[in-house]
Amino acid sequence: MSDPDRTRRRNPATPPVGGWGFGAAGIPTGFWVGLSVVLVVVAIVLLAVDYTGYGALLLVLGLAAAVNLIP
């Protein structure tokens, strides 16, 4: 006997007709502003108390999140 799931043809994974609704463009601008501000503020605090590695990392992440604000 054959398993019916194995004989069924798979459809290739394709995006919906309207495209993917989620991604950098699918998240509201306010979220990116808030995330960028939080990351930069925490980075400044960490840099102020000599956690240079984590502070620099969060600063870079904050700047990366701010890239999504560029139109």
Protein backbone atom coordinates (compact mmCIF):
# COMPACT_ATOMS: atom_id res chain seq x y z
CA MET A 1 0.00 0.00 0.00
CA SER A 2 1.20 3.46 -0.76
CA ASP A 3 0.93 6.40 1.57
CA PRO A 4 -1.41 9.06 0.04
CA ASP A 5 0.71 11.87 1.47
CA ARG A 6 3.77 10.66 -0.40
CA THR A 7 2.00 10.45 -3.74
CA ARG A 8 0.47 13.92 -3.47
CA ARG A 9 2.24 16.56 -5.57
CA ARG A 10 3.70 19.51 -3.67
CA ASN A 11 3.20 23.07 -4.81
CA PRO A 12 6.35 25.20 -4.84
CA ALA A 13 6.51 27.89 -2.18
CA THR A 14 5.58 31.15 -3.86
CA PRO A 15 4.65 34.50 -2.36
CA PRO A 16 1.01 35.56 -2.43
CA VAL A 17 -0.20 37.57 -5.39
CA GLY A 18 0.07 40.85 -3.45
CA GLY A 19 3.54 39.99 -2.16
CA TRP A 20 4.56 39.27 1.38
CA GLY A 21 2.74 41.56 3.79
CA PHE A 22 5.39 41.44 6.48
CA GLY A 23 8.94 42.67 6.47
CA ALA A 24 10.65 45.99 7.03
CA ALA A 25 7.97 47.75 4.98
CA GLY A 26 5.15 45.92 6.76
CA ILE A 27 6.08 47.19 10.21
CA PRO A 28 4.85 50.67 11.16
CA THR A 29 7.34 53.55 11.22
CA GLY A 30 6.57 54.24 14.88
CA PHE A 31 7.89 50.83 15.80
CA TRP A 32 11.21 51.50 14.06
CA VAL A 33 11.51 54.90 15.75
CA GLY A 34 10.83 53.40 19.18
CA LEU A 35 13.19 50.49 18.65
CA SER A 36 15.96 52.77 17.40
CA VAL A 37 15.58 55.15 20.34
CA VAL A 38 15.55 52.35 22.92
CA LEU A 39 18.63 50.69 21.42
CA VAL A 40 20.60 53.94 21.18
CA VAL A 41 19.68 55.00 24.74
CA VAL A 42 20.67 51.64 26.19
CA ALA A 43 23.88 51.76 24.13
CA ILE A 44 24.74 55.18 25.55
CA VAL A 45 24.13 53.94 29.10
CA LEU A 46 26.30 50.87 28.51
CA LEU A 47 29.07 52.96 26.97
CA ALA A 48 28.91 55.34 29.94
CA VAL A 49 29.56 52.50 32.40
CA ASP A 50 32.41 51.04 30.29
CA TYR A 51 30.59 48.12 28.68
CA THR A 52 32.13 49.07 25.36
CA GLY A 53 31.49 45.81 23.49
CA TYR A 54 27.80 45.58 24.30
CA GLY A 55 27.36 49.34 23.98
CA ALA A 56 28.92 49.38 20.52
CA LEU A 57 26.84 46.39 19.46
CA LEU A 58 23.59 48.02 20.56
CA LEU A 59 24.60 51.27 18.90
CA VAL A 60 25.14 49.45 15.61
CA LEU A 61 21.80 47.64 16.01
CA GLY A 62 20.06 50.96 16.71
CA LEU A 63 21.54 52.45 13.57
CA ALA A 64 20.54 49.37 11.60
CA ALA A 65 16.97 49.73 12.83
CA ALA A 66 17.04 53.43 11.91
CA VAL A 67 17.89 52.50 8.31
CA ASN A 68 14.28 51.36 7.95
CA LEU A 69 13.16 54.97 8.54
CA ILE A 70 14.81 56.16 5.33
CA PRO A 71 12.10 56.57 2.68
